[in-house]
Protein backbone atom coordinates (compact mmCIF):
# COMPACT_ATOMS: atom_id res chain seq x y z
CA MET A 1 59.49 251.51 21.39
CA ASN A 2 56.23 253.40 21.59
CA SER A 3 55.09 253.60 25.24
CA VAL A 4 51.37 253.64 24.32
CA ARG A 5 49.55 250.45 25.28
CA ARG A 6 46.96 249.11 22.89
CA LEU A 7 43.64 248.00 24.38
CA ILE A 8 42.60 244.63 22.93
CA VAL A 9 38.99 243.66 23.68
CA VAL A 10 37.89 240.03 23.28
CA VAL A 11 34.10 239.64 23.17
CA LEU A 12 32.80 237.03 25.59
CA PHE A 13 29.35 235.37 25.52
CA GLU A 14 27.64 232.09 26.35
CA GLY A 15 28.69 229.14 24.21
CA VAL A 16 31.72 230.90 22.72
CA ASP A 17 34.55 228.71 21.38
CA LEU A 18 37.18 228.48 24.12
CA LEU A 19 40.35 228.57 21.99
CA ASP A 20 39.04 231.59 20.10
CA VAL A 21 38.97 233.40 23.44
CA THR A 22 42.23 232.18 24.97
CA GLY A 23 44.51 231.90 21.92
CA PRO A 24 44.87 235.58 20.93
CA PRO A 25 45.61 236.83 24.50
CA GLU A 26 48.48 234.34 24.73
CA VAL A 27 50.04 235.77 21.57
CA PHE A 28 49.68 239.38 22.76
CA ALA A 29 51.10 238.49 26.19
CA LEU A 30 54.16 236.92 24.59
CA ALA A 31 54.56 239.96 22.32
CA ARG A 32 54.61 242.15 25.38
CA ARG A 33 57.22 239.90 27.01
CA GLU A 34 59.36 239.94 23.87
CA THR A 35 59.41 243.75 23.71
CA ASP A 36 59.07 246.33 26.48
CA GLU A 37 56.94 245.70 29.56
CA ALA A 38 55.93 249.38 29.53
CA ALA A 39 54.57 249.08 26.03
CA GLY A 40 52.56 246.64 23.95
CA TYR A 41 49.09 245.41 24.78
CA GLU A 42 46.41 245.32 27.44
CA VAL A 43 43.95 242.48 26.80
CA VAL A 44 40.53 242.34 28.45
CA LEU A 45 37.60 239.94 28.13
CA ALA A 46 34.34 241.89 27.85
CA ALA A 47 30.85 240.52 28.45
CA GLU A 48 27.34 241.79 29.16
CA THR A 49 27.75 241.19 32.91
CA MET A 50 30.54 240.17 35.27
CA ASP A 51 29.01 236.71 35.74
CA PRO A 52 31.05 233.67 34.64
CA VAL A 53 30.54 232.71 30.98
CA THR A 54 30.31 229.04 30.02
CA THR A 55 32.19 228.35 26.78
CA GLY A 56 31.33 225.74 24.18
CA ALA A 57 33.93 223.46 25.79
CA GLY A 58 32.10 223.64 29.12
CA VAL A 59 34.89 225.66 30.76
CA ARG A 60 33.73 228.77 32.61
CA VAL A 61 35.57 232.05 32.04
CA LEU A 62 35.39 235.24 34.09
CA PRO A 63 35.02 238.57 32.24
CA ASP A 64 37.38 241.44 33.07
CA VAL A 65 34.91 244.19 32.24
CA THR A 66 31.34 244.71 31.05
CA PHE A 67 30.52 246.24 27.69
CA ASP A 68 29.18 249.30 29.45
CA GLY A 69 32.41 249.54 31.41
CA LEU A 70 34.28 250.14 28.16
CA SER A 71 32.20 253.16 27.19
CA ALA A 72 34.85 255.68 28.22
CA ARG A 73 37.82 253.84 26.72
CA SER A 74 39.33 253.89 23.24
CA VAL A 75 39.62 250.40 21.78
CA ASP A 76 42.55 249.54 19.53
CA THR A 77 41.51 246.03 18.44
CA LEU A 78 38.18 244.25 18.81
CA ILE A 79 38.40 240.46 18.61
CA VAL A 80 35.10 238.68 17.98
CA PRO A 81 35.05 234.90 18.46
CA GLY A 82 32.14 232.69 17.48
CA ALA A 83 29.90 229.87 18.60
CA VAL A 84 28.40 226.85 16.85
CA GLU A 85 25.69 224.30 17.35
CA VAL A 86 25.82 220.72 16.07
CA ASP A 87 22.67 218.82 15.15
CA GLY A 88 21.99 215.09 15.47
CA ARG A 89 23.61 214.46 12.09
CA ARG A 90 26.81 216.25 13.18
CA ARG A 91 26.15 219.22 10.93
CA VAL A 92 27.80 222.37 12.23
CA ARG A 93 26.02 225.72 12.15
CA ALA A 94 27.23 229.09 13.39
CA VAL A 95 24.90 230.80 15.85
CA THR A 96 24.66 234.52 16.60
CA ASP A 97 23.00 236.28 19.51
CA PRO A 98 21.29 239.54 18.40
CA ALA A 99 22.31 241.20 21.68
CA VAL A 100 25.97 240.32 21.06
CA VAL A 101 25.71 241.49 17.46
CA GLU A 102 24.43 244.88 18.63
CA ARG A 103 27.22 245.22 21.20
CA VAL A 104 29.80 244.40 18.51
CA ARG A 105 28.27 246.96 16.16
CA GLN A 106 28.51 249.63 18.87
CA LEU A 107 32.10 248.78 19.83
CA ALA A 108 33.25 248.59 16.21
CA GLY A 109 32.19 252.19 15.70
CA ARG A 110 34.97 253.36 18.01
CA THR A 111 37.61 250.72 17.35
CA ARG A 112 40.70 251.13 15.17
CA ARG A 113 40.78 247.52 14.01
CA VAL A 114 38.04 244.88 14.00
CA THR A 115 38.81 241.17 13.76
CA SER A 116 36.95 237.89 13.88
CA VAL A 117 38.30 234.45 14.66
CA CYS A 118 36.74 231.30 13.28
CA VAL A 119 32.94 231.61 13.05
CA GLY A 120 33.05 235.04 14.67
CA ALA A 121 32.81 236.28 11.08
CA HIS A 122 29.09 235.50 11.28
CA VAL A 123 28.76 238.03 14.11
CA LEU A 124 30.61 240.70 12.13
CA ALA A 125 28.48 239.97 9.08
CA ALA A 126 25.27 240.20 11.08
CA ALA A 127 26.49 243.56 12.38
CA GLY A 128 26.87 244.78 8.79
CA LEU A 129 30.65 245.11 9.08
CA LEU A 130 31.59 242.75 6.24
CA ASP A 131 29.39 243.96 3.38
CA GLY A 132 31.41 244.34 0.18
CA LYS A 133 34.46 242.72 1.73
CA ARG A 134 36.32 239.51 1.00
CA VAL A 135 36.46 237.45 4.19
CA THR A 136 37.14 233.99 5.52
CA THR A 137 35.76 231.79 8.27
CA HIS A 138 35.93 228.16 9.33
CA TRP A 139 35.44 225.99 6.26
CA SER A 140 32.49 224.15 7.86
CA THR A 141 30.31 227.30 8.01
CA ALA A 142 31.56 229.14 4.92
CA ARG A 143 28.54 228.17 2.82
CA GLN A 144 26.19 229.31 5.59
CA LEU A 145 27.96 232.67 5.79
CA ALA A 146 27.69 233.18 2.02
CA GLU A 147 24.01 232.20 1.96
CA ASP A 148 23.05 234.31 4.97
CA HIS A 149 24.97 237.38 3.79
CA PRO A 150 25.01 237.69 -0.03
CA ALA A 151 26.79 241.08 0.15
CA VAL A 152 29.86 239.38 1.66
CA GLU A 153 32.48 237.69 -0.54
CA VAL A 154 33.38 234.49 1.31
CA ASP A 155 36.67 232.71 0.58
CA ALA A 156 36.98 229.57 2.71
CA ASP A 157 40.54 228.78 1.69
CA PRO A 158 42.95 231.27 3.38
CA ILE A 159 43.73 231.06 7.09
CA PHE A 160 43.12 234.81 7.42
CA ILE A 161 42.26 237.79 5.25
CA ARG A 162 42.85 241.50 5.75
CA GLU A 163 40.53 244.04 4.16
CA GLY A 164 41.70 247.44 5.35
CA ASP A 165 41.05 247.59 9.11
CA VAL A 166 38.86 244.47 9.10
CA TRP A 167 40.60 241.12 9.60
CA THR A 168 38.89 237.73 9.47
CA GLY A 169 40.43 234.42 10.52
CA ALA A 170 39.66 230.83 9.65
CA GLY A 171 39.19 227.87 11.94
CA ILE A 172 40.31 227.13 15.48
CA SER A 173 44.14 227.22 15.73
CA SER A 174 44.45 229.82 12.96
CA CYS A 175 43.53 232.38 15.64
CA LEU A 176 47.23 232.18 16.51
CA ASP A 177 48.27 232.96 12.92
CA LEU A 178 45.87 235.89 12.78
CA SER A 179 47.12 237.22 16.12
CA LEU A 180 50.72 236.91 14.98
CA ALA A 181 49.85 238.88 11.86
CA LEU A 182 48.32 241.61 14.03
CA VAL A 183 51.49 241.71 16.11
CA ALA A 184 53.59 241.94 12.95
CA ASP A 185 51.41 244.80 11.72
CA ASP A 186 51.92 246.67 15.00
CA LEU A 187 55.44 245.78 16.11
CA GLY A 188 57.15 244.33 13.03
CA GLU A 189 57.93 240.90 11.63
CA ALA A 190 60.94 240.36 13.91
CA VAL A 191 58.79 240.54 17.06
CA ALA A 192 56.11 238.32 15.53
CA LEU A 193 58.69 235.67 14.62
CA ARG A 194 60.11 235.73 18.15
CA VAL A 195 56.61 235.16 19.48
CA ALA A 196 56.10 232.33 16.96
CA ARG A 197 59.23 230.64 18.29
CA GLN A 198 57.92 230.93 21.86
CA LEU A 199 54.70 229.27 20.70
CA VAL A 200 56.77 226.52 19.04
CA MET A 201 55.31 227.57 15.70
CA TYR A 202 58.30 226.89 13.46
CA LEU A 203 57.12 229.09 10.62
CA LYS A 204 54.58 231.91 10.89
CA ARG A 205 52.03 230.94 8.23
CA PRO A 206 51.15 233.61 5.67
CA SER A 207 47.53 234.66 5.28
CA GLY A 208 47.09 232.90 1.96
CA GLN A 209 48.06 229.48 3.24
CA SER A 210 45.14 227.16 2.78
CA GLN A 211 43.11 225.82 5.70
CA PHE A 212 43.55 222.47 3.98
CA SER A 213 47.28 222.60 3.21
CA VAL A 214 49.71 220.05 4.60
CA PRO A 215 51.78 221.61 7.42
CA LEU A 216 55.30 222.46 6.38
CA GLU A 217 56.73 221.56 9.74
CA GLN A 218 56.34 217.81 9.99
CA VAL A 219 57.33 216.19 13.25
CA SER A 220 60.85 214.78 13.49
CA THR A 221 62.64 213.02 16.30
CA THR A 222 66.34 213.55 15.65
CA ARG A 223 68.57 216.54 16.21
CA ARG A 224 70.24 215.88 12.85
CA VAL A 225 66.98 216.40 10.95
CA GLU A 226 66.20 219.52 12.97
CA GLU A 227 69.61 220.93 12.05
CA LEU A 228 69.06 220.05 8.40
CA ARG A 229 65.74 221.90 8.36
CA HIS A 230 67.29 224.96 9.96
CA HIS A 231 70.14 224.73 7.46
CA VAL A 232 67.60 224.76 4.62
CA MET A 233 65.90 227.87 6.03
CA ARG A 234 69.19 229.70 6.58
CA ASN A 235 70.43 228.92 3.08
CA ILE A 236 67.23 228.93 1.07
CA ALA A 237 68.78 231.04 -1.73
CA GLU A 238 71.49 228.42 -2.31
CA PRO A 239 71.15 225.37 -4.65
CA LEU A 240 70.59 222.91 -1.74
CA THR A 241 70.99 219.77 -3.82
CA VAL A 242 70.82 216.31 -2.29
CA ALA A 243 74.62 216.22 -2.45
CA ASP A 244 74.85 219.57 -0.64
CA LEU A 245 72.52 218.44 2.14
CA ALA A 246 74.22 215.06 2.46
CA ALA A 247 77.61 216.72 2.80
CA HIS A 248 76.24 219.05 5.49
CA ALA A 249 74.80 216.08 7.43
CA HIS A 250 77.95 213.99 6.84
CA VAL A 251 76.00 211.11 5.29
CA SER A 252 75.71 209.59 1.83
CA ASP A 253 73.13 210.77 -0.70
CA ARG A 254 71.24 207.51 -0.32
CA GLN A 255 71.24 207.71 3.47
CA LEU A 256 70.02 211.32 3.35
CA THR A 257 67.09 210.31 1.15
CA ARG A 258 66.25 207.49 3.55
CA ILE A 259 66.40 209.90 6.55
CA PHE A 260 64.00 212.36 4.91
CA LYS A 261 61.60 209.59 3.92
CA THR A 262 61.61 208.07 7.42
CA GLU A 263 61.52 211.29 9.46
CA LEU A 264 59.51 213.64 7.25
CA GLY A 265 57.69 211.36 4.86
CA THR A 266 59.04 213.16 1.80
CA THR A 267 62.14 213.51 -0.38
CA PRO A 268 64.87 216.11 0.16
CA TYR A 269 63.93 217.79 -3.14
CA ALA A 270 60.23 218.00 -2.26
CA TYR A 271 60.98 219.34 1.22
CA VAL A 272 63.32 222.04 -0.06
CA GLU A 273 60.78 223.08 -2.70
CA SER A 274 58.03 223.30 -0.07
CA VAL A 275 60.20 225.63 2.02
CA ARG A 276 61.02 227.75 -1.04
CA ILE A 277 57.29 228.03 -1.79
CA GLU A 278 56.49 229.15 1.76
CA VAL A 279 59.24 231.78 1.77
CA ALA A 280 58.14 233.02 -1.67
CA ARG A 281 54.54 233.30 -0.47
CA GLN A 282 55.63 235.45 2.46
CA GLN A 283 57.61 237.74 0.17
CA LEU A 284 54.75 238.03 -2.31
CA GLU A 285 52.37 238.93 0.52
CA SER A 286 54.51 241.43 2.38
CA THR A 287 56.87 243.04 -0.15
CA ASP A 288 56.84 244.67 -3.58
CA ALA A 289 59.89 242.70 -4.72
CA THR A 290 59.88 241.78 -8.40
CA LEU A 291 59.33 238.17 -9.37
CA GLU A 292 62.96 238.01 -10.47
CA ARG A 293 64.10 239.06 -7.01
CA VAL A 294 61.70 236.67 -5.26
CA ALA A 295 62.84 233.78 -7.45
CA SER A 296 66.48 234.54 -6.69
CA ALA A 297 65.99 235.08 -2.95
CA CYS A 298 64.08 231.81 -2.58
CA GLY A 299 66.50 229.69 -4.58
CA PHE A 300 64.31 229.13 -7.62
CA GLY A 301 66.85 230.84 -9.83
CA THR A 302 64.48 231.95 -12.59
CA VAL A 303 60.94 233.26 -12.77
CA ASP A 304 59.98 230.30 -14.98
CA THR A 305 61.01 227.87 -12.23
CA LEU A 306 59.11 229.90 -9.65
CA VAL A 307 55.98 229.94 -11.82
CA ARG A 308 56.12 226.21 -12.51
CA ALA A 309 56.45 225.45 -8.77
CA PHE A 310 53.47 227.68 -7.93
CA ARG A 311 51.32 226.14 -10.64
CA ARG A 312 52.25 222.62 -9.63
CA ARG A 313 51.78 223.06 -5.87
CA LEU A 314 49.24 225.88 -5.56
CA ASP A 315 47.44 225.80 -8.92
CA THR A 316 48.04 229.53 -9.40
CA THR A 317 50.78 231.94 -10.52
CA PRO A 318 52.90 234.17 -8.27
CA THR A 319 51.25 237.30 -9.67
CA GLU A 320 47.74 235.99 -9.06
CA TYR A 321 48.74 234.88 -5.57
CA ARG A 322 50.10 238.36 -4.79
CA ARG A 323 46.97 240.00 -6.15
CA ARG A 324 44.74 237.94 -3.85
CA PHE A 325 46.81 237.92 -0.69
CA ARG A 326 48.92 241.08 -0.65
CA THR A 327 48.78 242.53 2.85
CA GLY A 328 48.70 246.20 3.77
CA SER A 329 46.87 249.07 2.12
CA GLU A 330 48.40 248.35 -1.28
CA ARG A 331 47.37 244.92 -2.56
CA THR A 332 48.61 245.17 -6.12
CA GLY A 333 52.16 244.14 -6.88
CA PRO A 334 54.46 244.44 -9.88
CA LYS A 335 53.04 243.50 -13.25
CA GLN A 336 53.43 240.03 -14.67
CA THR A 337 56.56 239.22 -16.54
CA GLY A 338 56.34 237.76 -19.99
CA SER A 339 57.72 234.46 -18.67
CA GLU A 340 54.86 234.16 -16.20
CA ARG A 341 52.20 234.79 -18.84
CA SER A 342 53.64 232.27 -21.24
CA GLY A 343 55.38 229.82 -18.92
CA PRO A 344 54.55 226.13 -19.04
CA ALA A 345 51.79 224.73 -16.84
């Protein structure tokens, strides 16, 4: 384990969204606990002065350091949260303070990695850090971001996007997904998944998952269903038919179907396919595996089956998905197979 500690700076200012400020430090603290106490991260909240800052939730937060106090330090990751105002008709609008924008511009110039959470993307855009980049933000202010900054390509669908050393996150709780992705980038997927378990996040969501998608991990109340779901994840490459799952749970096929409908609101087939899709998305984002290998590893069997599932559930193809959401410096994956180009819709 590398003994160098990474300085994470969270920008603090009046009216800032509370969860945007507190969520990422929790992830980095757990990452430190899951690895080596002598390594990992040092997280500080930086503001213009050391006076308490009142967040948008009305909770006051104390800064750890002033912006000027950081002048002699090297920053690894700059996290920029946002703030909104709501008018009498409940319309949400991101607000940016020119003084904060200037501080962010200055800090970004000596930071390895710059990130925004939620409407913090508006601050980065105002600082000129997003021009020519594809970014995301909370869906409610995406149109405003695109209109205010025409040089920025705004995609309101993904929960986070990486463009080189600039990362942008979507709304509210997705700050946890973005932070987990940063941990994975630094310390590896195994550490990030251990942190996700500590956060009771059953599955670390990939960047391309939609802000509007139905959560994979529906709530259940029985240990039997929990074991079935873990069984599906452990054996995702296997056929996992209704008969297979029923035998594992020691129930009849009909009873298994009734359990899934009651506990998860779906059928065994639909649930298994949703897990296969999520695992395939992760592989398409983070590996250069061929579509044949992805299809096999996720239990689809053939590329045609994989393509049909992606078109049906995501309205795209695996190759197009990989092109849009591939993480790392190389965002282009293997070429399309003939079956993907010509497969049925």
